Amino acid sequence: MTPATPADRRSPADKLEAAIDALPSGSVTLAQVRDLVGSDGLMLLTAFLTIVFLVPVSVPGMSTVFGAGILLIGVSRLLRLPLWLPKRIERRVVATERLRVALQRGLVWFRRLERVSRPQRIAWAAADGAVRIVNDCALILGAALLMAPFGLIPFSNTLPAIALLFLAIGSLQRDGLFILIGHVSNLVTIVYFALLIGGGGYALISFLQRLLP
């Protein structure tokens, strides 16, 4: 067996930071991001695509493109298939500098969470079999919530991103507590979106009632 190299022993945060530093100048595509992360696992790629939404830095169109990428990661894990990305998503171009700034700021929170995660904590929540199916479905749900058309509303990207990040770190570290926090964050996001939709609908009805005789 080939002995592990120093690079193999790097933490997920170190690997993400190396991928961020290796981003090409000018612009980058999702395919290039996928290739930079390499074979370290789909959850590491999920974390990379998530941390950009942890800080209030606007990167237009990213919630749709990155959310779609995470959704396909969830589907590939659920079906036990290699990751496939449509050409349209693979080739979507993003300005590298704006992306790098957001990623570097989000990486600070990723490192903090990584430091407090504990392998094999609440082990049943990070187990394989039926539990993993539930967790993969939660990943798909979080990605769908990230893609919801509420991008200009505060926390509409941050809340599902938090859920996805906890699910990603929990899977990487086999930390069941983090995975459970990811599930709860998905539920909080659903409640928040329901309040937005309900409040918006009520405001629209009130406006029409005042407008119409």
C-alpha atoms as a PDB file:
ATOM      1  CA  MET A   1       0.000   0.000   0.000  1.00  0.00           C
ATOM      2  CA  THR A   2       1.322   3.454  -0.864  1.00  0.00           C
ATOM      3  CA  PRO A   3       2.018   5.531   2.234  1.00  0.00           C
ATOM      4  CA  ALA A   4      -0.015   8.689   2.713  1.00  0.00           C
ATOM      5  CA  THR A   5       1.577  11.902   1.518  1.00  0.00           C
ATOM      6  CA  PRO A   6       1.490  15.136   3.539  1.00  0.00           C
ATOM      7  CA  ALA A   7      -1.173  16.459   1.166  1.00  0.00           C
ATOM      8  CA  ASP A   8      -3.364  13.473   2.004  1.00  0.00           C
ATOM      9  CA  ARG A   9      -3.304  14.441   5.689  1.00  0.00           C
ATOM     10  CA  ARG A  10      -4.411  18.029   5.185  1.00  0.00           C
ATOM     11  CA  SER A  11      -7.666  19.046   6.805  1.00  0.00           C
ATOM     12  CA  PRO A  12     -10.700  19.788   4.599  1.00  0.00           C
ATOM     13  CA  ALA A  13     -10.201  23.506   5.296  1.00  0.00           C
ATOM     14  CA  ASP A  14      -6.570  23.325   4.126  1.00  0.00           C
ATOM     15  CA  LYS A  15      -7.658  21.579   0.933  1.00  0.00           C
ATOM     16  CA  LEU A  16     -10.332  24.206   0.308  1.00  0.00           C
ATOM     17  CA  GLU A  17      -7.820  27.001   0.878  1.00  0.00           C
ATOM     18  CA  ALA A  18      -5.398  25.389  -1.583  1.00  0.00           C
ATOM     19  CA  ALA A  19      -8.196  25.164  -4.169  1.00  0.00           C
ATOM     20  CA  ILE A  20      -9.077  28.837  -3.610  1.00  0.00           C
ATOM     21  CA  ASP A  21      -5.438  29.883  -4.051  1.00  0.00           C
ATOM     22  CA  ALA A  22      -5.249  27.851  -7.266  1.00  0.00           C
ATOM     23  CA  LEU A  23      -8.213  29.583  -8.912  1.00  0.00           C
ATOM     24  CA  PRO A  24      -7.213  30.922 -12.337  1.00  0.00           C
ATOM     25  CA  SER A  25      -7.056  34.662 -12.857  1.00  0.00           C
ATOM     26  CA  GLY A  26      -9.766  36.467 -14.747  1.00  0.00           C
ATOM     27  CA  SER A  27     -12.670  34.038 -14.610  1.00  0.00           C
ATOM     28  CA  VAL A  28     -13.478  30.495 -13.577  1.00  0.00           C
ATOM     29  CA  THR A  29     -16.090  27.891 -14.488  1.00  0.00           C
ATOM     30  CA  LEU A  30     -17.773  25.306 -12.304  1.00  0.00           C
ATOM     31  CA  ALA A  31     -15.921  22.605 -14.235  1.00  0.00           C
ATOM     32  CA  GLN A  32     -12.606  24.222 -13.256  1.00  0.00           C
ATOM     33  CA  VAL A  33     -13.710  24.383  -9.610  1.00  0.00           C
ATOM     34  CA  ARG A  34     -14.619  20.693  -9.729  1.00  0.00           C
ATOM     35  CA  ASP A  35     -11.222  19.813 -11.195  1.00  0.00           C
ATOM     36  CA  LEU A  36      -9.383  21.930  -8.590  1.00  0.00           C
ATOM     37  CA  VAL A  37     -11.074  20.123  -5.720  1.00  0.00           C
ATOM     38  CA  GLY A  38     -10.126  16.858  -7.415  1.00  0.00           C
ATOM     39  CA  SER A  39     -10.861  13.424  -6.031  1.00  0.00           C
ATOM     40  CA  ASP A  40     -11.205  14.484  -2.388  1.00  0.00           C
ATOM     41  CA  GLY A  41     -14.913  13.788  -2.439  1.00  0.00           C
ATOM     42  CA  LEU A  42     -18.224  15.304  -3.371  1.00  0.00           C
ATOM     43  CA  MET A  43     -18.798  16.728   0.112  1.00  0.00           C
ATOM     44  CA  LEU A  44     -15.591  18.745  -0.094  1.00  0.00           C
ATOM     45  CA  LEU A  45     -16.842  20.182  -3.398  1.00  0.00           C
ATOM     46  CA  THR A  46     -20.179  20.902  -1.699  1.00  0.00           C
ATOM     47  CA  ALA A  47     -18.383  22.821   1.049  1.00  0.00           C
ATOM     48  CA  PHE A  48     -16.449  24.802  -1.573  1.00  0.00           C
ATOM     49  CA  LEU A  49     -19.663  25.761  -3.366  1.00  0.00           C
ATOM     50  CA  THR A  50     -21.399  26.656  -0.105  1.00  0.00           C
ATOM     51  CA  ILE A  51     -18.976  28.922   1.756  1.00  0.00           C
ATOM     52  CA  VAL A  52     -19.403  31.740  -0.771  1.00  0.00           C
ATOM     53  CA  PHE A  53     -22.879  32.393   0.689  1.00  0.00           C
ATOM     54  CA  LEU A  54     -21.805  32.705   4.331  1.00  0.00           C
ATOM     55  CA  VAL A  55     -20.871  36.382   4.016  1.00  0.00           C
ATOM     56  CA  PRO A  56     -22.762  39.362   2.560  1.00  0.00           C
ATOM     57  CA  VAL A  57     -20.732  39.546  -0.654  1.00  0.00           C
ATOM     58  CA  SER A  58     -22.882  39.636  -3.758  1.00  0.00           C
ATOM     59  CA  VAL A  59     -21.840  37.306  -6.560  1.00  0.00           C
ATOM     60  CA  PRO A  60     -24.730  37.525  -9.059  1.00  0.00           C
ATOM     61  CA  GLY A  61     -26.169  34.244 -10.317  1.00  0.00           C
ATOM     62  CA  MET A  62     -24.146  32.062  -7.977  1.00  0.00           C
ATOM     63  CA  SER A  63     -27.052  30.710  -5.934  1.00  0.00           C
ATOM     64  CA  THR A  64     -28.598  29.214  -9.072  1.00  0.00           C
ATOM     65  CA  VAL A  65     -25.402  27.809 -10.589  1.00  0.00           C
ATOM     66  CA  PHE A  66     -23.768  26.587  -7.369  1.00  0.00           C
ATOM     67  CA  GLY A  67     -27.119  25.399  -6.006  1.00  0.00           C
ATOM     68  CA  ALA A  68     -27.658  23.338  -9.158  1.00  0.00           C
ATOM     69  CA  GLY A  69     -24.171  21.872  -8.769  1.00  0.00           C
ATOM     70  CA  ILE A  70     -24.859  20.889  -5.150  1.00  0.00           C
ATOM     71  CA  LEU A  71     -28.229  19.444  -6.119  1.00  0.00           C
ATOM     72  CA  LEU A  72     -26.553  17.213  -8.703  1.00  0.00           C
ATOM     73  CA  ILE A  73     -23.952  16.197  -6.101  1.00  0.00           C
ATOM     74  CA  GLY A  74     -26.799  15.155  -3.803  1.00  0.00           C
ATOM     75  CA  VAL A  75     -28.482  13.190  -6.587  1.00  0.00           C
ATOM     76  CA  SER A  76     -25.220  11.457  -7.527  1.00  0.00           C
ATOM     77  CA  ARG A  77     -24.652  10.458  -3.885  1.00  0.00           C
ATOM     78  CA  LEU A  78     -28.229   9.264  -3.522  1.00  0.00           C
ATOM     79  CA  LEU A  79     -28.063   7.131  -6.679  1.00  0.00           C
ATOM     80  CA  ARG A  80     -24.406   6.113  -6.118  1.00  0.00           C
ATOM     81  CA  LEU A  81     -23.431   7.466  -9.536  1.00  0.00           C
ATOM     82  CA  PRO A  82     -20.440   9.545 -10.720  1.00  0.00           C
ATOM     83  CA  LEU A  83     -21.041  13.296 -10.679  1.00  0.00           C
ATOM     84  CA  TRP A  84     -22.455  14.578 -13.968  1.00  0.00           C
ATOM     85  CA  LEU A  85     -22.870  18.281 -14.746  1.00  0.00           C
ATOM     86  CA  PRO A  86     -24.759  19.680 -17.752  1.00  0.00           C
ATOM     87  CA  LYS A  87     -22.532  21.629 -20.132  1.00  0.00           C
ATOM     88  CA  ARG A  88     -24.500  24.802 -19.452  1.00  0.00           C
ATOM     89  CA  ILE A  89     -23.656  24.629 -15.739  1.00  0.00           C
ATOM     90  CA  GLU A  90     -20.084  23.450 -16.295  1.00  0.00           C
ATOM     91  CA  ARG A  91     -19.294  26.403 -18.552  1.00  0.00           C
ATOM     92  CA  ARG A  92     -20.947  29.162 -16.518  1.00  0.00           C
ATOM     93  CA  VAL A  93     -18.278  31.828 -16.036  1.00  0.00           C
ATOM     94  CA  VAL A  94     -17.742  33.693 -12.763  1.00  0.00           C
ATOM     95  CA  ALA A  95     -15.348  36.560 -12.083  1.00  0.00           C
ATOM     96  CA  THR A  96     -12.483  35.000 -10.141  1.00  0.00           C
ATOM     97  CA  GLU A  97     -11.606  37.919  -7.864  1.00  0.00           C
ATOM     98  CA  ARG A  98     -15.141  38.460  -6.592  1.00  0.00           C
ATOM     99  CA  LEU A  99     -15.489  34.734  -6.039  1.00  0.00           C
ATOM    100  CA  ARG A 100     -12.119  34.455  -4.292  1.00  0.00           C
ATOM    101  CA  VAL A 101     -12.955  37.302  -1.883  1.00  0.00           C
ATOM    102  CA  ALA A 102     -16.240  35.656  -0.914  1.00  0.00           C
ATOM    103  CA  LEU A 103     -14.625  32.228  -0.566  1.00  0.00           C
ATOM    104  CA  GLN A 104     -11.762  33.489   1.595  1.00  0.00           C
ATOM    105  CA  ARG A 105     -14.147  35.253   3.955  1.00  0.00           C
ATOM    106  CA  GLY A 106     -16.413  32.226   4.129  1.00  0.00           C
ATOM    107  CA  LEU A 107     -13.398  29.983   4.736  1.00  0.00           C
ATOM    108  CA  VAL A 108     -12.910  31.694   8.112  1.00  0.00           C
ATOM    109  CA  TRP A 109     -16.272  30.302   9.263  1.00  0.00           C
ATOM    110  CA  PHE A 110     -15.510  26.911   7.749  1.00  0.00           C
ATOM    111  CA  ARG A 111     -12.295  26.676   9.788  1.00  0.00           C
ATOM    112  CA  ARG A 112     -14.124  27.635  12.986  1.00  0.00           C
ATOM    113  CA  LEU A 113     -16.754  24.974  12.422  1.00  0.00           C
ATOM    114  CA  GLU A 114     -14.139  22.386  11.499  1.00  0.00           C
ATOM    115  CA  ARG A 115     -12.291  23.020  14.761  1.00  0.00           C
ATOM    116  CA  VAL A 116     -15.372  22.293  16.881  1.00  0.00           C
ATOM    117  CA  SER A 117     -16.544  19.247  14.921  1.00  0.00           C
ATOM    118  CA  ARG A 118     -15.917  15.835  16.481  1.00  0.00           C
ATOM    119  CA  PRO A 119     -15.681  12.540  14.553  1.00  0.00           C
ATOM    120  CA  GLN A 120     -18.124   9.808  15.630  1.00  0.00           C
ATOM    121  CA  ARG A 121     -20.258  12.193  17.692  1.00  0.00           C
ATOM    122  CA  ILE A 122     -23.878  10.921  17.604  1.00  0.00           C
ATOM    123  CA  ALA A 123     -22.553   8.251  15.246  1.00  0.00           C
ATOM    124  CA  TRP A 124     -25.981   6.923  14.190  1.00  0.00           C
ATOM    125  CA  ALA A 125     -26.774  10.240  12.435  1.00  0.00           C
ATOM    126  CA  ALA A 126     -23.701   9.816  10.208  1.00  0.00           C
ATOM    127  CA  ALA A 127     -24.184   6.115   9.517  1.00  0.00           C
ATOM    128  CA  ASP A 128     -24.598   4.435   6.144  1.00  0.00           C
ATOM    129  CA  GLY A 129     -27.719   2.706   4.843  1.00  0.00           C
ATOM    130  CA  ALA A 130     -31.111   4.338   5.384  1.00  0.00           C
ATOM    131  CA  VAL A 131     -29.619   7.222   7.398  1.00  0.00           C
ATOM    132  CA  ARG A 132     -27.328   8.158   4.537  1.00  0.00           C
ATOM    133  CA  ILE A 133     -30.303   8.197   2.157  1.00  0.00           C
ATOM    134  CA  VAL A 134     -32.065  10.656   4.471  1.00  0.00           C
ATOM    135  CA  ASN A 135     -28.931  12.811   4.651  1.00  0.00           C
ATOM    136  CA  ASP A 136     -28.517  12.795   0.864  1.00  0.00           C
ATOM    137  CA  CYS A 137     -32.158  13.873   0.503  1.00  0.00           C
ATOM    138  CA  ALA A 138     -31.462  16.687   2.978  1.00  0.00           C
ATOM    139  CA  LEU A 139     -28.559  17.780   0.788  1.00  0.00           C
ATOM    140  CA  ILE A 140     -30.854  17.873  -2.246  1.00  0.00           C
ATOM    141  CA  LEU A 141     -33.454  19.836  -0.262  1.00  0.00           C
ATOM    142  CA  GLY A 142     -30.866  22.368   0.894  1.00  0.00           C
ATOM    143  CA  ALA A 143     -29.657  22.870  -2.674  1.00  0.00           C
ATOM    144  CA  ALA A 144     -33.228  23.416  -3.890  1.00  0.00           C
ATOM    145  CA  LEU A 145     -33.774  26.002  -1.141  1.00  0.00           C
ATOM    146  CA  LEU A 146     -30.527  27.730  -2.115  1.00  0.00           C
ATOM    147  CA  MET A 147     -31.815  28.016  -5.686  1.00  0.00           C
ATOM    148  CA  ALA A 148     -35.128  29.584  -4.585  1.00  0.00           C
ATOM    149  CA  PRO A 149     -35.723  33.010  -6.210  1.00  0.00           C
ATOM    150  CA  PHE A 150     -35.279  35.080  -3.050  1.00  0.00           C
ATOM    151  CA  GLY A 151     -31.688  36.187  -3.700  1.00  0.00           C
ATOM    152  CA  LEU A 152     -32.227  39.866  -2.851  1.00  0.00           C
ATOM    153  CA  ILE A 153     -33.899  39.104   0.498  1.00  0.00           C
ATOM    154  CA  PRO A 154     -31.594  38.999   3.560  1.00  0.00           C
ATOM    155  CA  PHE A 155     -30.575  35.505   4.728  1.00  0.00           C
ATOM    156  CA  SER A 156     -32.357  33.795   1.810  1.00  0.00           C
ATOM    157  CA  ASN A 157     -29.022  32.364   0.607  1.00  0.00           C
ATOM    158  CA  THR A 158     -27.269  32.263   3.971  1.00  0.00           C
ATOM    159  CA  LEU A 159     -29.776  30.000   5.767  1.00  0.00           C
ATOM    160  CA  PRO A 160     -29.738  27.144   3.217  1.00  0.00           C
ATOM    161  CA  ALA A 161     -25.967  27.584   2.861  1.00  0.00           C
ATOM    162  CA  ILE A 162     -25.579  27.041   6.615  1.00  0.00           C
ATOM    163  CA  ALA A 163     -27.642  23.850   6.346  1.00  0.00           C
ATOM    164  CA  LEU A 164     -25.528  22.594   3.449  1.00  0.00           C
ATOM    165  CA  LEU A 165     -22.262  23.470   5.168  1.00  0.00           C
ATOM    166  CA  PHE A 166     -23.189  21.600   8.361  1.00  0.00           C
ATOM    167  CA  LEU A 167     -24.277  18.609   6.285  1.00  0.00           C
ATOM    168  CA  ALA A 168     -21.004  18.725   4.330  1.00  0.00           C
ATOM    169  CA  ILE A 169     -18.739  19.053   7.375  1.00  0.00           C
ATOM    170  CA  GLY A 170     -20.772  16.452   9.246  1.00  0.00           C
ATOM    171  CA  SER A 171     -20.333  13.975   6.398  1.00  0.00           C
ATOM    172  CA  LEU A 172     -16.633  14.752   5.985  1.00  0.00           C
ATOM    173  CA  GLN A 173     -15.928  14.426   9.720  1.00  0.00           C
ATOM    174  CA  ARG A 174     -18.582  11.745  10.433  1.00  0.00           C
ATOM    175  CA  ASP A 175     -20.043  14.147  13.004  1.00  0.00           C
ATOM    176  CA  GLY A 176     -23.700  13.276  13.578  1.00  0.00           C
ATOM    177  CA  LEU A 177     -24.373  16.427  15.605  1.00  0.00           C
ATOM    178  CA  PHE A 178     -23.384  18.632  12.668  1.00  0.00           C
ATOM    179  CA  ILE A 179     -25.598  16.581  10.355  1.00  0.00           C
ATOM    180  CA  LEU A 180     -28.560  17.012  12.714  1.00  0.00           C
ATOM    181  CA  ILE A 181     -27.892  20.771  12.837  1.00  0.00           C
ATOM    182  CA  GLY A 182     -27.983  20.705   9.032  1.00  0.00           C
ATOM    183  CA  HIS A 183     -31.434  19.088   9.107  1.00  0.00           C
ATOM    184  CA  VAL A 184     -32.698  21.669  11.609  1.00  0.00           C
ATOM    185  CA  SER A 185     -31.275  24.500   9.482  1.00  0.00           C
ATOM    186  CA  ASN A 186     -33.206  23.168   6.486  1.00  0.00           C
ATOM    187  CA  LEU A 187     -36.405  23.291   8.553  1.00  0.00           C
ATOM    188  CA  VAL A 188     -35.630  26.848   9.715  1.00  0.00           C
ATOM    189  CA  THR A 189     -35.102  27.854   6.073  1.00  0.00           C
ATOM    190  CA  ILE A 190     -38.460  26.364   5.067  1.00  0.00           C
ATOM    191  CA  VAL A 191     -40.237  28.254   7.873  1.00  0.00           C
ATOM    192  CA  TYR A 192     -38.461  31.485   6.875  1.00  0.00           C
ATOM    193  CA  PHE A 193     -39.443  31.086   3.228  1.00  0.00           C
ATOM    194  CA  ALA A 194     -43.034  30.251   4.228  1.00  0.00           C
ATOM    195  CA  LEU A 195     -43.185  33.470   6.248  1.00  0.00           C
ATOM    196  CA  LEU A 196     -41.796  35.419   3.288  1.00  0.00           C
ATOM    197  CA  ILE A 197     -44.357  33.941   0.912  1.00  0.00           C
ATOM    198  CA  GLY A 198     -47.206  34.330   3.393  1.00  0.00           C
ATOM    199  CA  GLY A 199     -46.234  37.886   4.264  1.00  0.00           C
ATOM    200  CA  GLY A 200     -45.809  38.801   0.614  1.00  0.00           C
ATOM    201  CA  GLY A 201     -49.186  37.300  -0.274  1.00  0.00           C
ATOM    202  CA  TYR A 202     -50.889  39.168   2.571  1.00  0.00           C
ATOM    203  CA  ALA A 203     -49.255  42.449   1.529  1.00  0.00           C
ATOM    204  CA  LEU A 204     -50.349  41.920  -2.083  1.00  0.00           C
ATOM    205  CA  ILE A 205     -53.954  41.180  -1.089  1.00  0.00           C
ATOM    206  CA  SER A 206     -54.038  44.239   1.172  1.00  0.00           C
ATOM    207  CA  PHE A 207     -52.681  46.407  -1.634  1.00  0.00           C
ATOM    208  CA  LEU A 208     -55.266  45.133  -4.117  1.00  0.00           C
ATOM    209  CA  GLN A 209     -58.079  45.671  -1.622  1.00  0.00           C
ATOM    210  CA  ARG A 210     -57.026  49.287  -1.205  1.00  0.00           C
ATOM    211  CA  LEU A 211     -56.513  49.777  -4.922  1.00  0.00           C
ATOM    212  CA  LEU A 212     -59.811  48.313  -6.057  1.00  0.00           C
ATOM    213  CA  PRO A 213     -63.090  50.060  -5.217  1.00  0.00           C
END
